[in-house]
Amino acid sequence: MNAKRYTEEFRIEAVKQVTDRGHPVAEVASRLGVTTHSLYQWIKRYRVPPAEREVAQDQQTEMRCLKAELKRVNEERDALKKAAAYFAMTTE
């Protein structure tokens, strides 16, 4: 599946046509050749002021990193538990 990529300027202009000018979402989507789902997602994203959007994006990035680190640490812990159990059985 080859998804089209649209520039941020294109997305913002599409959102403005709906929010500022009052055009229906379905009309704007069909005129621009995008899905209504995509346009609704863009409206949801660009409704937030840029400063708040940047903060939210930074928080999401940090959360993704923390989740990846937590997964790695849990895997290490589980491996150490198995190793400890193995060595405990061999010494008895």
N, C-alpha and C. Protein backbone atom coordinates (compact mmCIF):
# COMPACT_ATOMS: atom_id res chain seq x y z
N MET A 1 0.85 -1.18 0.00
CA MET A 1 0.00 0.00 0.00
C MET A 1 0.89 1.24 0.00
N ASN A 2 0.66 2.11 -0.92
CA ASN A 2 1.45 3.32 -1.06
C ASN A 2 0.64 4.51 -0.62
N ALA A 3 0.90 4.98 0.58
CA ALA A 3 0.14 6.10 1.14
C ALA A 3 0.75 7.42 0.63
N LYS A 4 -0.12 8.33 0.23
CA LYS A 4 0.35 9.65 -0.20
C LYS A 4 0.79 10.44 1.02
N ARG A 5 1.81 11.24 0.83
CA ARG A 5 2.28 12.13 1.88
C ARG A 5 1.98 13.55 1.45
N TYR A 6 1.38 14.30 2.34
CA TYR A 6 1.02 15.68 2.05
C TYR A 6 1.87 16.60 2.92
N THR A 7 2.22 17.76 2.37
CA THR A 7 3.01 18.72 3.13
C THR A 7 2.16 19.30 4.26
N GLU A 8 2.85 19.81 5.26
CA GLU A 8 2.14 20.42 6.38
C GLU A 8 1.33 21.63 5.93
N GLU A 9 1.87 22.39 4.98
CA GLU A 9 1.15 23.56 4.47
C GLU A 9 -0.16 23.15 3.80
N PHE A 10 -0.11 22.04 3.03
CA PHE A 10 -1.30 21.53 2.37
C PHE A 10 -2.36 21.14 3.41
N ARG A 11 -1.91 20.44 4.45
CA ARG A 11 -2.83 20.01 5.50
C ARG A 11 -3.47 21.20 6.21
N ILE A 12 -2.63 22.18 6.56
CA ILE A 12 -3.14 23.36 7.27
C ILE A 12 -4.15 24.11 6.41
N GLU A 13 -3.85 24.25 5.12
CA GLU A 13 -4.78 24.94 4.23
C GLU A 13 -6.09 24.17 4.11
N ALA A 14 -6.03 22.86 4.06
CA ALA A 14 -7.25 22.04 3.99
C ALA A 14 -8.08 22.23 5.26
N VAL A 15 -7.41 22.27 6.41
CA VAL A 15 -8.11 22.46 7.68
C VAL A 15 -8.75 23.85 7.72
N LYS A 16 -8.05 24.86 7.24
CA LYS A 16 -8.59 26.22 7.23
C LYS A 16 -9.85 26.31 6.38
N GLN A 17 -9.89 25.55 5.28
CA GLN A 17 -11.08 25.58 4.43
C GLN A 17 -12.31 25.09 5.19
N VAL A 18 -12.09 24.17 6.12
CA VAL A 18 -13.22 23.64 6.90
C VAL A 18 -13.51 24.54 8.10
N THR A 19 -12.47 24.88 8.86
CA THR A 19 -12.68 25.60 10.11
C THR A 19 -12.95 27.09 9.91
N ASP A 20 -12.17 27.74 9.05
CA ASP A 20 -12.31 29.19 8.87
C ASP A 20 -13.39 29.56 7.86
N ARG A 21 -13.43 28.83 6.77
CA ARG A 21 -14.34 29.20 5.69
C ARG A 21 -15.68 28.46 5.75
N GLY A 22 -15.78 27.44 6.59
CA GLY A 22 -17.05 26.77 6.80
C GLY A 22 -17.47 25.78 5.73
N HIS A 23 -16.54 25.33 4.90
CA HIS A 23 -16.89 24.34 3.88
C HIS A 23 -17.07 22.97 4.54
N PRO A 24 -17.98 22.14 4.02
CA PRO A 24 -18.17 20.80 4.58
C PRO A 24 -16.92 19.93 4.38
N VAL A 25 -16.68 19.06 5.34
CA VAL A 25 -15.50 18.19 5.30
C VAL A 25 -15.52 17.31 4.05
N ALA A 26 -16.66 16.71 3.75
CA ALA A 26 -16.76 15.81 2.60
C ALA A 26 -16.44 16.54 1.30
N GLU A 27 -16.91 17.77 1.18
CA GLU A 27 -16.67 18.56 -0.03
C GLU A 27 -15.19 18.88 -0.19
N VAL A 28 -14.56 19.34 0.88
CA VAL A 28 -13.14 19.69 0.83
C VAL A 28 -12.30 18.45 0.55
N ALA A 29 -12.64 17.34 1.20
CA ALA A 29 -11.89 16.11 1.00
C ALA A 29 -11.96 15.64 -0.44
N SER A 30 -13.15 15.64 -1.02
CA SER A 30 -13.28 15.18 -2.40
C SER A 30 -12.60 16.13 -3.37
N ARG A 31 -12.70 17.43 -3.11
CA ARG A 31 -12.07 18.42 -3.99
C ARG A 31 -10.54 18.29 -3.97
N LEU A 32 -9.98 17.99 -2.78
CA LEU A 32 -8.53 17.89 -2.65
C LEU A 32 -8.00 16.48 -2.92
N GLY A 33 -8.89 15.52 -3.00
CA GLY A 33 -8.46 14.15 -3.27
C GLY A 33 -7.90 13.44 -2.06
N VAL A 34 -8.42 13.77 -0.89
CA VAL A 34 -8.01 13.08 0.34
C VAL A 34 -9.23 12.41 0.95
N THR A 35 -9.00 11.51 1.88
CA THR A 35 -10.13 10.86 2.53
C THR A 35 -10.69 11.76 3.62
N THR A 36 -11.96 11.58 3.92
CA THR A 36 -12.55 12.38 5.00
C THR A 36 -11.90 12.03 6.33
N HIS A 37 -11.51 10.75 6.48
CA HIS A 37 -10.83 10.34 7.71
C HIS A 37 -9.54 11.14 7.92
N SER A 38 -8.75 11.25 6.85
CA SER A 38 -7.51 12.02 6.94
C SER A 38 -7.78 13.47 7.31
N LEU A 39 -8.79 14.05 6.66
CA LEU A 39 -9.11 15.45 6.93
C LEU A 39 -9.56 15.64 8.37
N TYR A 40 -10.37 14.73 8.88
CA TYR A 40 -10.77 14.83 10.29
C TYR A 40 -9.56 14.71 11.22
N GLN A 41 -8.62 13.84 10.90
CA GLN A 41 -7.41 13.71 11.70
C GLN A 41 -6.60 15.00 11.67
N TRP A 42 -6.51 15.62 10.50
CA TRP A 42 -5.77 16.87 10.39
C TRP A 42 -6.45 17.97 11.18
N ILE A 43 -7.77 18.00 11.14
CA ILE A 43 -8.52 19.01 11.91
C ILE A 43 -8.24 18.83 13.38
N LYS A 44 -8.26 17.59 13.83
CA LYS A 44 -8.00 17.30 15.24
C LYS A 44 -6.59 17.74 15.63
N ARG A 45 -5.61 17.48 14.76
CA ARG A 45 -4.22 17.81 15.06
C ARG A 45 -3.97 19.31 15.01
N TYR A 46 -4.47 20.00 13.98
CA TYR A 46 -4.13 21.40 13.78
C TYR A 46 -5.08 22.36 14.48
N ARG A 47 -6.07 21.85 15.17
CA ARG A 47 -6.94 22.71 15.98
C ARG A 47 -6.17 23.25 17.18
N VAL A 48 -5.21 22.49 17.65
CA VAL A 48 -4.39 22.87 18.80
C VAL A 48 -3.36 23.90 18.35
N PRO A 49 -3.11 24.94 19.14
CA PRO A 49 -2.09 25.94 18.77
C PRO A 49 -0.71 25.28 18.61
N PRO A 50 0.13 25.84 17.72
CA PRO A 50 1.43 25.22 17.42
C PRO A 50 2.30 24.96 18.65
N ALA A 51 2.32 25.87 19.60
CA ALA A 51 3.17 25.68 20.78
C ALA A 51 2.69 24.47 21.59
N GLU A 52 1.38 24.36 21.77
CA GLU A 52 0.84 23.22 22.51
C GLU A 52 1.04 21.92 21.74
N ARG A 53 0.92 22.00 20.41
CA ARG A 53 1.10 20.81 19.57
C ARG A 53 2.54 20.31 19.68
N GLU A 54 3.51 21.23 19.73
CA GLU A 54 4.91 20.85 19.85
C GLU A 54 5.18 20.20 21.19
N VAL A 55 4.59 20.75 22.25
CA VAL A 55 4.76 20.17 23.59
C VAL A 55 4.17 18.75 23.62
N ALA A 56 2.99 18.59 23.05
CA ALA A 56 2.34 17.28 23.03
C ALA A 56 3.17 16.28 22.23
N GLN A 57 3.74 16.72 21.12
CA GLN A 57 4.55 15.84 20.29
C GLN A 57 5.82 15.44 21.05
N ASP A 58 6.44 16.38 21.76
CA ASP A 58 7.62 16.07 22.56
C ASP A 58 7.28 15.05 23.65
N GLN A 59 6.12 15.22 24.28
CA GLN A 59 5.70 14.28 25.32
C GLN A 59 5.46 12.89 24.73
N GLN A 60 4.87 12.83 23.55
CA GLN A 60 4.64 11.53 22.91
C GLN A 60 5.96 10.85 22.56
N THR A 61 6.92 11.63 22.08
CA THR A 61 8.22 11.08 21.75
C THR A 61 8.91 10.55 23.00
N GLU A 62 8.84 11.32 24.07
CA GLU A 62 9.45 10.88 25.33
C GLU A 62 8.78 9.62 25.85
N MET A 63 7.46 9.56 25.74
CA MET A 63 6.73 8.39 26.22
C MET A 63 7.12 7.15 25.41
N ARG A 64 7.26 7.30 24.09
CA ARG A 64 7.68 6.18 23.25
C ARG A 64 9.05 5.67 23.68
N CYS A 65 9.98 6.59 23.95
CA CYS A 65 11.32 6.21 24.39
C CYS A 65 11.27 5.51 25.74
N LEU A 66 10.48 6.04 26.65
CA LEU A 66 10.38 5.44 27.98
C LEU A 66 9.76 4.04 27.93
N LYS A 67 8.76 3.87 27.07
CA LYS A 67 8.15 2.54 26.92
C LYS A 67 9.16 1.54 26.35
N ALA A 68 9.96 1.98 25.39
CA ALA A 68 10.97 1.10 24.81
C ALA A 68 12.01 0.72 25.87
N GLU A 69 12.42 1.69 26.68
CA GLU A 69 13.39 1.42 27.73
C GLU A 69 12.80 0.48 28.78
N LEU A 70 11.54 0.69 29.15
CA LEU A 70 10.88 -0.18 30.12
C LEU A 70 10.81 -1.61 29.60
N LYS A 71 10.51 -1.77 28.33
CA LYS A 71 10.45 -3.11 27.73
C LYS A 71 11.81 -3.78 27.81
N ARG A 72 12.87 -3.03 27.48
CA ARG A 72 14.23 -3.58 27.53
C ARG A 72 14.61 -3.98 28.94
N VAL A 73 14.30 -3.13 29.92
CA VAL A 73 14.63 -3.41 31.31
C VAL A 73 13.86 -4.63 31.81
N ASN A 74 12.59 -4.74 31.44
CA ASN A 74 11.80 -5.90 31.84
C ASN A 74 12.37 -7.19 31.25
N GLU A 75 12.81 -7.14 30.00
CA GLU A 75 13.42 -8.32 29.38
C GLU A 75 14.71 -8.70 30.10
N GLU A 76 15.52 -7.71 30.46
CA GLU A 76 16.74 -7.98 31.21
C GLU A 76 16.43 -8.59 32.57
N ARG A 77 15.43 -8.04 33.26
CA ARG A 77 15.02 -8.57 34.56
C ARG A 77 14.58 -10.02 34.45
N ASP A 78 13.77 -10.32 33.43
CA ASP A 78 13.28 -11.68 33.25
C ASP A 78 14.43 -12.64 32.97
N ALA A 79 15.41 -12.20 32.18
CA ALA A 79 16.57 -13.05 31.90
C ALA A 79 17.36 -13.30 33.17
N LEU A 80 17.52 -12.27 33.99
CA LEU A 80 18.25 -12.44 35.25
C LEU A 80 17.50 -13.37 36.22
N LYS A 81 16.18 -13.29 36.24
CA LYS A 81 15.39 -14.19 37.08
C LYS A 81 15.60 -15.64 36.66
N LYS A 82 15.58 -15.87 35.34
CA LYS A 82 15.78 -17.24 34.84
C LYS A 82 17.18 -17.74 35.17
N ALA A 83 18.17 -16.86 35.02
CA ALA A 83 19.54 -17.24 35.34
C ALA A 83 19.68 -17.54 36.83
N ALA A 84 19.08 -16.72 37.68
CA ALA A 84 19.15 -16.95 39.12
C ALA A 84 18.48 -18.26 39.49
N ALA A 85 17.35 -18.55 38.88
CA ALA A 85 16.66 -19.81 39.15
C ALA A 85 17.49 -20.99 38.70
N TYR A 86 18.14 -20.88 37.56
CA TYR A 86 18.97 -21.96 37.03
C TYR A 86 20.15 -22.23 37.96
N PHE A 87 20.85 -21.17 38.38
CA PHE A 87 22.00 -21.35 39.26
C PHE A 87 21.59 -21.82 40.64
N ALA A 88 20.41 -21.44 41.10
CA ALA A 88 19.92 -21.90 42.40
C ALA A 88 19.67 -23.41 42.35
N MET A 89 19.18 -23.91 41.22
CA MET A 89 18.91 -25.34 41.08
C MET A 89 20.21 -26.13 40.97
N THR A 90 21.23 -25.60 40.34
CA THR A 90 22.47 -26.33 40.15
C THR A 90 23.31 -26.41 41.41
N THR A 91 23.13 -25.51 42.33
CA THR A 91 23.91 -25.52 43.57
C THR A 91 23.30 -26.43 44.62
N GLU A 92 22.06 -26.82 44.45
CA GLU A 92 21.41 -27.66 45.45
C GLU A 92 21.71 -29.10 45.26
